[in-house]
Amino acid sequence: MMVLRGLWDHKPTHLYSDLKVPVLFVPAEGPGGVFAETKRSAIEHAVQLVPKVRVEWFSPADHDLHAQHPSRFAQVVHAAITDGFFS
């Protein structure tokens, strides 16, 4: 129960500005609606707070991007590596 309580109380957004490593967000976006708007808002918030961030949206997409869009996902990761984003 303590683990579950810790997960419930954890607020990752409070740690964004303390990150010292680059962050590559690859959010999947399905059909519109409140959840899609909430996700876009959350990513915009992260972009404002994370010191070094890149976002590559996959739309339309589900959760398993590597399985649904393997070529594009590989290209996004490869580009981030080769252009020095993670340096």
PDB file of N, CA and C in Angstrom:
ATOM      1  N   MET A   1       0.822  -1.191   0.000  1.00  0.00           N
ATOM      2  CA  MET A   1       0.000   0.000   0.000  1.00  0.00           C
ATOM      3  C   MET A   1       0.869   1.259   0.000  1.00  0.00           C
ATOM      4  N   MET A   2       2.044   1.173   0.635  1.00  0.00           N
ATOM      5  CA  MET A   2       2.927   2.332   0.656  1.00  0.00           C
ATOM      6  C   MET A   2       3.419   2.660  -0.755  1.00  0.00           C
ATOM      7  N   VAL A   3       3.689   1.623  -1.548  1.00  0.00           N
ATOM      8  CA  VAL A   3       4.129   1.842  -2.931  1.00  0.00           C
ATOM      9  C   VAL A   3       3.011   2.512  -3.726  1.00  0.00           C
ATOM     10  N   LEU A   4       1.815   2.003  -3.605  1.00  0.00           N
ATOM     11  CA  LEU A   4       0.689   2.601  -4.313  1.00  0.00           C
ATOM     12  C   LEU A   4       0.457   4.049  -3.876  1.00  0.00           C
ATOM     13  N   ARG A   5       0.595   4.300  -2.590  1.00  0.00           N
ATOM     14  CA  ARG A   5       0.423   5.666  -2.082  1.00  0.00           C
ATOM     15  C   ARG A   5       1.498   6.581  -2.665  1.00  0.00           C
ATOM     16  N   GLY A   6       2.734   6.061  -2.746  1.00  0.00           N
ATOM     17  CA  GLY A   6       3.821   6.840  -3.330  1.00  0.00           C
ATOM     18  C   GLY A   6       3.567   7.171  -4.794  1.00  0.00           C
ATOM     19  N   LEU A   7       3.040   6.217  -5.547  1.00  0.00           N
ATOM     20  CA  LEU A   7       2.705   6.463  -6.951  1.00  0.00           C
ATOM     21  C   LEU A   7       1.588   7.496  -7.068  1.00  0.00           C
ATOM     22  N   TRP A   8       0.610   7.394  -6.191  1.00  0.00           N
ATOM     23  CA  TRP A   8      -0.517   8.324  -6.214  1.00  0.00           C
ATOM     24  C   TRP A   8      -0.062   9.752  -5.891  1.00  0.00           C
ATOM     25  N   ASP A   9       0.820   9.876  -4.922  1.00  0.00           N
ATOM     26  CA  ASP A   9       1.270  11.195  -4.466  1.00  0.00           C
ATOM     27  C   ASP A   9       2.367  11.804  -5.341  1.00  0.00           C
ATOM     28  N   HIS A  10       3.026  10.995  -6.149  1.00  0.00           N
ATOM     29  CA  HIS A  10       4.153  11.457  -6.971  1.00  0.00           C
ATOM     30  C   HIS A  10       3.676  12.455  -8.025  1.00  0.00           C
ATOM     31  N   LYS A  11       4.361  13.548  -8.141  1.00  0.00           N
ATOM     32  CA  LYS A  11       4.024  14.591  -9.112  1.00  0.00           C
ATOM     33  C   LYS A  11       5.250  14.848 -10.000  1.00  0.00           C
ATOM     34  N   PRO A  12       5.405  14.090 -11.097  1.00  0.00           N
ATOM     35  CA  PRO A  12       6.572  14.254 -11.962  1.00  0.00           C
ATOM     36  C   PRO A  12       6.737  15.675 -12.482  1.00  0.00           C
ATOM     37  N   THR A  13       5.630  16.379 -12.677  1.00  0.00           N
ATOM     38  CA  THR A  13       5.725  17.740 -13.191  1.00  0.00           C
ATOM     39  C   THR A  13       6.517  18.654 -12.262  1.00  0.00           C
ATOM     40  N   HIS A  14       6.559  18.328 -10.996  1.00  0.00           N
ATOM     41  CA  HIS A  14       7.320  19.146 -10.042  1.00  0.00           C
ATOM     42  C   HIS A  14       8.822  18.979 -10.227  1.00  0.00           C
ATOM     43  N   LEU A  15       9.234  17.959 -10.965  1.00  0.00           N
ATOM     44  CA  LEU A  15      10.658  17.683 -11.165  1.00  0.00           C
ATOM     45  C   LEU A  15      11.181  18.172 -12.513  1.00  0.00           C
ATOM     46  N   TYR A  16      10.308  18.599 -13.396  1.00  0.00           N
ATOM     47  CA  TYR A  16      10.714  18.953 -14.759  1.00  0.00           C
ATOM     48  C   TYR A  16      11.870  19.947 -14.813  1.00  0.00           C
ATOM     49  N   SER A  17      11.783  21.021 -14.092  1.00  0.00           N
ATOM     50  CA  SER A  17      12.813  22.058 -14.191  1.00  0.00           C
ATOM     51  C   SER A  17      14.142  21.614 -13.601  1.00  0.00           C
ATOM     52  N   ASP A  18      14.169  20.528 -12.843  1.00  0.00           N
ATOM     53  CA  ASP A  18      15.411  20.020 -12.265  1.00  0.00           C
ATOM     54  C   ASP A  18      16.135  19.021 -13.168  1.00  0.00           C
ATOM     55  N   LEU A  19      15.511  18.634 -14.270  1.00  0.00           N
ATOM     56  CA  LEU A  19      16.128  17.638 -15.150  1.00  0.00           C
ATOM     57  C   LEU A  19      17.418  18.176 -15.751  1.00  0.00           C
ATOM     58  N   LYS A  20      18.443  17.341 -15.757  1.00  0.00           N
ATOM     59  CA  LYS A  20      19.742  17.735 -16.285  1.00  0.00           C
ATOM     60  C   LYS A  20      20.077  17.015 -17.596  1.00  0.00           C
ATOM     61  N   VAL A  21      19.184  16.173 -18.053  1.00  0.00           N
ATOM     62  CA  VAL A  21      19.409  15.412 -19.286  1.00  0.00           C
ATOM     63  C   VAL A  21      18.342  15.804 -20.311  1.00  0.00           C
ATOM     64  N   PRO A  22      18.657  15.659 -21.596  1.00  0.00           N
ATOM     65  CA  PRO A  22      17.657  15.950 -22.629  1.00  0.00           C
ATOM     66  C   PRO A  22      16.489  14.966 -22.539  1.00  0.00           C
ATOM     67  N   VAL A  23      15.302  15.451 -22.867  1.00  0.00           N
ATOM     68  CA  VAL A  23      14.101  14.617 -22.825  1.00  0.00           C
ATOM     69  C   VAL A  23      13.440  14.647 -24.202  1.00  0.00           C
ATOM     70  N   LEU A  24      13.231  13.468 -24.753  1.00  0.00           N
ATOM     71  CA  LEU A  24      12.539  13.322 -26.028  1.00  0.00           C
ATOM     72  C   LEU A  24      11.161  12.745 -25.738  1.00  0.00           C
ATOM     73  N   PHE A  25      10.133  13.575 -25.909  1.00  0.00           N
ATOM     74  CA  PHE A  25       8.761  13.107 -25.761  1.00  0.00           C
ATOM     75  C   PHE A  25       8.271  12.642 -27.124  1.00  0.00           C
ATOM     76  N   VAL A  26       7.663  11.469 -27.164  1.00  0.00           N
ATOM     77  CA  VAL A  26       7.051  10.955 -28.390  1.00  0.00           C
ATOM     78  C   VAL A  26       5.601  10.567 -28.075  1.00  0.00           C
ATOM     79  N   PRO A  27       4.762  11.566 -27.860  1.00  0.00           N
ATOM     80  CA  PRO A  27       3.387  11.274 -27.483  1.00  0.00           C
ATOM     81  C   PRO A  27       2.558  10.757 -28.654  1.00  0.00           C
ATOM     82  N   ALA A  28       1.686   9.822 -28.343  1.00  0.00           N
ATOM     83  CA  ALA A  28       0.723   9.299 -29.311  1.00  0.00           C
ATOM     84  C   ALA A  28      -0.581  10.056 -29.130  1.00  0.00           C
ATOM     85  N   GLU A  29      -1.190  10.380 -30.246  1.00  0.00           N
ATOM     86  CA  GLU A  29      -2.450  11.119 -30.188  1.00  0.00           C
ATOM     87  C   GLU A  29      -3.495  10.382 -31.009  1.00  0.00           C
ATOM     88  N   GLY A  30      -4.541   9.998 -30.329  1.00  0.00           N
ATOM     89  CA  GLY A  30      -5.646   9.337 -30.998  1.00  0.00           C
ATOM     90  C   GLY A  30      -6.687  10.342 -31.425  1.00  0.00           C
ATOM     91  N   PRO A  31      -7.931   9.906 -31.504  1.00  0.00           N
ATOM     92  CA  PRO A  31      -9.008  10.832 -31.859  1.00  0.00           C
ATOM     93  C   PRO A  31      -9.101  11.978 -30.852  1.00  0.00           C
ATOM     94  N   GLY A  32      -9.647  13.086 -31.281  1.00  0.00           N
ATOM     95  CA  GLY A  32      -9.775  14.265 -30.417  1.00  0.00           C
ATOM     96  C   GLY A  32     -10.601  13.994 -29.177  1.00  0.00           C
ATOM     97  N   GLY A  33     -10.871  15.040 -28.479  1.00  0.00           N
ATOM     98  CA  GLY A  33     -11.654  14.918 -27.259  1.00  0.00           C
ATOM     99  C   GLY A  33     -10.896  15.504 -26.093  1.00  0.00           C
ATOM    100  N   VAL A  34     -11.468  15.383 -24.916  1.00  0.00           N
ATOM    101  CA  VAL A  34     -10.887  15.968 -23.710  1.00  0.00           C
ATOM    102  C   VAL A  34      -9.516  15.362 -23.411  1.00  0.00           C
ATOM    103  N   PHE A  35      -9.381  14.040 -23.573  1.00  0.00           N
ATOM    104  CA  PHE A  35      -8.095  13.407 -23.272  1.00  0.00           C
ATOM    105  C   PHE A  35      -6.996  13.940 -24.185  1.00  0.00           C
ATOM    106  N   ALA A  36      -7.284  14.119 -25.476  1.00  0.00           N
ATOM    107  CA  ALA A  36      -6.294  14.649 -26.420  1.00  0.00           C
ATOM    108  C   ALA A  36      -5.897  16.074 -26.038  1.00  0.00           C
ATOM    109  N   GLU A  37      -6.876  16.880 -25.662  1.00  0.00           N
ATOM    110  CA  GLU A  37      -6.588  18.258 -25.247  1.00  0.00           C
ATOM    111  C   GLU A  37      -5.747  18.277 -23.980  1.00  0.00           C
ATOM    112  N   THR A  38      -6.051  17.394 -23.041  1.00  0.00           N
ATOM    113  CA  THR A  38      -5.290  17.309 -21.792  1.00  0.00           C
ATOM    114  C   THR A  38      -3.854  16.902 -22.066  1.00  0.00           C
ATOM    115  N   LYS A  39      -3.670  15.938 -22.970  1.00  0.00           N
ATOM    116  CA  LYS A  39      -2.314  15.496 -23.304  1.00  0.00           C
ATOM    117  C   LYS A  39      -1.521  16.621 -23.961  1.00  0.00           C
ATOM    118  N   ARG A  40      -2.132  17.330 -24.895  1.00  0.00           N
ATOM    119  CA  ARG A  40      -1.439  18.456 -25.551  1.00  0.00           C
ATOM    120  C   ARG A  40      -1.052  19.526 -24.527  1.00  0.00           C
ATOM    121  N   SER A  41      -1.944  19.811 -23.623  1.00  0.00           N
ATOM    122  CA  SER A  41      -1.677  20.800 -22.584  1.00  0.00           C
ATOM    123  C   SER A  41      -0.533  20.347 -21.677  1.00  0.00           C
ATOM    124  N   ALA A  42      -0.519  19.075 -21.319  1.00  0.00           N
ATOM    125  CA  ALA A  42       0.549  18.541 -20.463  1.00  0.00           C
ATOM    126  C   ALA A  42       1.902  18.613 -21.159  1.00  0.00           C
ATOM    127  N   ILE A  43       1.931  18.306 -22.440  1.00  0.00           N
ATOM    128  CA  ILE A  43       3.195  18.370 -23.187  1.00  0.00           C
ATOM    129  C   ILE A  43       3.661  19.818 -23.310  1.00  0.00           C
ATOM    130  N   GLU A  44       2.751  20.736 -23.572  1.00  0.00           N
ATOM    131  CA  GLU A  44       3.116  22.160 -23.639  1.00  0.00           C
ATOM    132  C   GLU A  44       3.691  22.640 -22.312  1.00  0.00           C
ATOM    133  N   HIS A  45       3.114  22.183 -21.221  1.00  0.00           N
ATOM    134  CA  HIS A  45       3.612  22.534 -19.886  1.00  0.00           C
ATOM    135  C   HIS A  45       5.036  21.996 -19.703  1.00  0.00           C
ATOM    136  N   ALA A  46       5.262  20.768 -20.099  1.00  0.00           N
ATOM    137  CA  ALA A  46       6.597  20.166 -19.982  1.00  0.00           C
ATOM    138  C   ALA A  46       7.615  20.925 -20.822  1.00  0.00           C
ATOM    139  N   VAL A  47       7.235  21.318 -22.024  1.00  0.00           N
ATOM    140  CA  VAL A  47       8.149  22.055 -22.906  1.00  0.00           C
ATOM    141  C   VAL A  47       8.588  23.363 -22.255  1.00  0.00           C
ATOM    142  N   GLN A  48       7.698  23.979 -21.505  1.00  0.00           N
ATOM    143  CA  GLN A  48       8.040  25.233 -20.835  1.00  0.00           C
ATOM    144  C   GLN A  48       9.004  25.028 -19.668  1.00  0.00           C
ATOM    145  N   LEU A  49       8.978  23.846 -19.057  1.00  0.00           N
ATOM    146  CA  LEU A  49       9.756  23.626 -17.836  1.00  0.00           C
ATOM    147  C   LEU A  49      11.025  22.792 -18.010  1.00  0.00           C
ATOM    148  N   VAL A  50      11.015  21.855 -18.923  1.00  0.00           N
ATOM    149  CA  VAL A  50      12.189  20.993 -19.107  1.00  0.00           C
ATOM    150  C   VAL A  50      13.251  21.799 -19.844  1.00  0.00           C
ATOM    151  N   PRO A  51      14.481  21.853 -19.300  1.00  0.00           N
ATOM    152  CA  PRO A  51      15.521  22.674 -19.907  1.00  0.00           C
ATOM    153  C   PRO A  51      15.859  22.311 -21.352  1.00  0.00           C
ATOM    154  N   LYS A  52      15.968  21.017 -21.671  1.00  0.00           N
ATOM    155  CA  LYS A  52      16.289  20.607 -23.041  1.00  0.00           C
ATOM    156  C   LYS A  52      15.288  19.531 -23.447  1.00  0.00           C
ATOM    157  N   VAL A  53      14.372  19.917 -24.341  1.00  0.00           N
ATOM    158  CA  VAL A  53      13.268  19.025 -24.680  1.00  0.00           C
ATOM    159  C   VAL A  53      12.996  19.067 -26.177  1.00  0.00           C
ATOM    160  N   ARG A  54      12.545  17.943 -26.669  1.00  0.00           N
ATOM    161  CA  ARG A  54      12.086  17.833 -28.056  1.00  0.00           C
ATOM    162  C   ARG A  54      10.809  17.002 -28.037  1.00  0.00           C
ATOM    163  N   VAL A  55       9.874  17.371 -28.896  1.00  0.00           N
ATOM    164  CA  VAL A  55       8.591  16.653 -28.971  1.00  0.00           C
ATOM    165  C   VAL A  55       8.344  16.235 -30.410  1.00  0.00           C
ATOM    166  N   GLU A  56       8.017  14.981 -30.603  1.00  0.00           N
ATOM    167  CA  GLU A  56       7.622  14.454 -31.910  1.00  0.00           C
ATOM    168  C   GLU A  56       6.274  13.762 -31.733  1.00  0.00           C
ATOM    169  N   TRP A  57       5.221  14.403 -32.204  1.00  0.00           N
ATOM    170  CA  TRP A  57       3.873  13.854 -32.083  1.00  0.00           C
ATOM    171  C   TRP A  57       3.647  12.762 -33.119  1.00  0.00           C
ATOM    172  N   PHE A  58       2.953  11.716 -32.717  1.00  0.00           N
ATOM    173  CA  PHE A  58       2.520  10.653 -33.607  1.00  0.00           C
ATOM    174  C   PHE A  58       1.000  10.676 -33.615  1.00  0.00           C
ATOM    175  N   SER A  59       0.430  11.003 -34.770  1.00  0.00           N
ATOM    176  CA  SER A  59      -1.017  11.129 -34.858  1.00  0.00           C
ATOM    177  C   SER A  59      -1.482  10.755 -36.259  1.00  0.00           C
ATOM    178  N   PRO A  60      -2.437   9.909 -36.387  1.00  0.00           N
ATOM    179  CA  PRO A  60      -3.101   9.143 -35.346  1.00  0.00           C
ATOM    180  C   PRO A  60      -2.214   7.995 -34.883  1.00  0.00           C
ATOM    181  N   ALA A  61      -2.274   7.715 -33.624  1.00  0.00           N
ATOM    182  CA  ALA A  61      -1.447   6.646 -33.073  1.00  0.00           C
ATOM    183  C   ALA A  61      -2.026   6.182 -31.743  1.00  0.00           C
ATOM    184  N   ASP A  62      -1.592   4.988 -31.370  1.00  0.00           N
ATOM    185  CA  ASP A  62      -1.958   4.429 -30.077  1.00  0.00           C
ATOM    186  C   ASP A  62      -0.723   4.427 -29.190  1.00  0.00           C
ATOM    187  N   HIS A  63      -0.748   3.650 -28.159  1.00  0.00           N
ATOM    188  CA  HIS A  63       0.303   3.641 -27.152  1.00  0.00           C
ATOM    189  C   HIS A  63       1.632   3.041 -27.644  1.00  0.00           C
ATOM    190  N   ASP A  64       1.597   1.977 -28.420  1.00  0.00           N
ATOM    191  CA  ASP A  64       2.817   1.248 -28.806  1.00  0.00           C
ATOM    192  C   ASP A  64       3.384   1.758 -30.126  1.00  0.00           C
ATOM    193  N   LEU A  65       4.017   2.916 -30.086  1.00  0.00           N
ATOM    194  CA  LEU A  65       4.518   3.553 -31.299  1.00  0.00           C
ATOM    195  C   LEU A  65       5.538   2.692 -32.032  1.00  0.00           C
ATOM    196  N   HIS A  66       6.405   2.031 -31.289  1.00  0.00           N
ATOM    197  CA  HIS A  66       7.429   1.209 -31.917  1.00  0.00           C
ATOM    198  C   HIS A  66       6.826   0.074 -32.738  1.00  0.00           C
ATOM    199  N   ALA A  67       5.639  -0.386 -32.360  1.00  0.00           N
ATOM    200  CA  ALA A  67       4.966  -1.461 -33.092  1.00  0.00           C
ATOM    201  C   ALA A  67       4.065  -0.903 -34.194  1.00  0.00           C
ATOM    202  N   GLN A  68       3.432   0.217 -33.941  1.00  0.00           N
ATOM    203  CA  GLN A  68       2.487   0.778 -34.900  1.00  0.00           C
ATOM    204  C   GLN A  68       3.188   1.570 -36.005  1.00  0.00           C
ATOM    205  N   HIS A  69       4.255   2.274 -35.645  1.00  0.00           N
ATOM    206  CA  HIS A  69       4.989   3.119 -36.599  1.00  0.00           C
ATOM    207  C   HIS A  69       6.489   2.859 -36.465  1.00  0.00           C
ATOM    208  N   PRO A  70       6.950   1.627 -36.714  1.00  0.00           N
ATOM    209  CA  PRO A  70       8.350   1.291 -36.437  1.00  0.00           C
ATOM    210  C   PRO A  70       9.359   2.126 -37.217  1.00  0.00           C
ATOM    211  N   SER A  71       9.105   2.381 -38.483  1.00  0.00           N
ATOM    212  CA  SER A  71      10.074   3.149 -39.284  1.00  0.00           C
ATOM    213  C   SER A  71      10.169   4.593 -38.814  1.00  0.00           C
ATOM    214  N   ARG A  72       9.034   5.224 -38.649  1.00  0.00           N
ATOM    215  CA  ARG A  72       9.056   6.625 -38.213  1.00  0.00           C
ATOM    216  C   ARG A  72       9.627   6.759 -36.807  1.00  0.00           C
ATOM    217  N   PHE A  73       9.250   5.853 -35.906  1.00  0.00           N
ATOM    218  CA  PHE A  73       9.776   5.909 -34.548  1.00  0.00           C
ATOM    219  C   PHE A  73      11.296   5.773 -34.564  1.00  0.00           C
ATOM    220  N   ALA A  74      11.798   4.822 -35.352  1.00  0.00           N
ATOM    221  CA  ALA A  74      13.245   4.635 -35.462  1.00  0.00           C
ATOM    222  C   ALA A  74      13.912   5.876 -36.038  1.00  0.00           C
ATOM    223  N   GLN A  75      13.289   6.500 -37.011  1.00  0.00           N
ATOM    224  CA  GLN A  75      13.848   7.719 -37.604  1.00  0.00           C
ATOM    225  C   GLN A  75      13.932   8.852 -36.589  1.00  0.00           C
ATOM    226  N   VAL A  76      12.918   8.998 -35.768  1.00  0.00           N
ATOM    227  CA  VAL A  76      12.896  10.057 -34.750  1.00  0.00           C
ATOM    228  C   VAL A  76      14.026   9.844 -33.743  1.00  0.00           C
ATOM    229  N   VAL A  77      14.166   8.620 -33.265  1.00  0.00           N
ATOM    230  CA  VAL A  77      15.225   8.323 -32.296  1.00  0.00           C
ATOM    231  C   VAL A  77      16.602   8.471 -32.952  1.00  0.00           C
ATOM    232  N   HIS A  78      16.744   7.960 -34.153  1.00  0.00           N
ATOM    233  CA  HIS A  78      18.018   8.053 -34.872  1.00  0.00           C
ATOM    234  C   HIS A  78      18.416   9.518 -35.092  1.00  0.00           C
ATOM    235  N   ALA A  79      17.463  10.328 -35.510  1.00  0.00           N
ATOM    236  CA  ALA A  79      17.747  11.745 -35.733  1.00  0.00           C
ATOM    237  C   ALA A  79      18.194  12.435 -34.445  1.00  0.00           C
ATOM    238  N   ALA A  80      17.539  12.130 -33.348  1.00  0.00           N
ATOM    239  CA  ALA A  80      17.914  12.746 -32.069  1.00  0.00           C
ATOM    240  C   ALA A  80      19.329  12.351 -31.660  1.00  0.00           C
ATOM    241  N   ILE A  81      19.708  11.134 -31.990  1.00  0.00           N
ATOM    242  CA  ILE A  81      21.063  10.670 -31.664  1.00  0.00           C
ATOM    243  C   ILE A  81      22.082  11.318 -32.588  1.00  0.00           C
ATOM    244  N   THR A  82      21.825  11.269 -33.890  1.00  0.00           N
ATOM    245  CA  THR A  82      22.830  11.741 -34.850  1.00  0.00           C
ATOM    246  C   THR A  82      22.960  13.256 -34.900  1.00  0.00           C
ATOM    247  N   ASP A  83      21.903  14.004 -34.572  1.00  0.00           N
ATOM    248  CA  ASP A  83      22.049  15.463 -34.609  1.00  0.00           C
ATOM    249  C   ASP A  83      22.553  16.045 -33.298  1.00  0.00           C
ATOM    250  N   GLY A  84      22.883  15.168 -32.347  1.00  0.00           N
ATOM    251  CA  GLY A  84      23.496  15.618 -31.095  1.00  0.00           C
ATOM    252  C   GLY A  84      22.521  16.054 -30.027  1.00  0.00           C
ATOM    253  N   PHE A  85      21.239  15.787 -30.198  1.00  0.00           N
ATOM    254  CA  PHE A  85      20.260  16.211 -29.189  1.00  0.00           C
ATOM    255  C   PHE A  85      20.595  15.653 -27.815  1.00  0.00           C
ATOM    256  N   PHE A  86      21.051  14.401 -27.765  1.00  0.00           N
ATOM    257  CA  PHE A  86      21.345  13.778 -26.482  1.00  0.00           C
ATOM    258  C   PHE A  86      22.746  14.089 -25.939  1.00  0.00           C
ATOM    259  N   SER A  87      23.469  14.903 -26.667  1.00  0.00           N
ATOM    260  CA  SER A  87      24.839  15.245 -26.227  1.00  0.00           C
ATOM    261  C   SER A  87      24.822  16.310 -25.161  1.00  0.00           C
TER     262      SER A  87
END
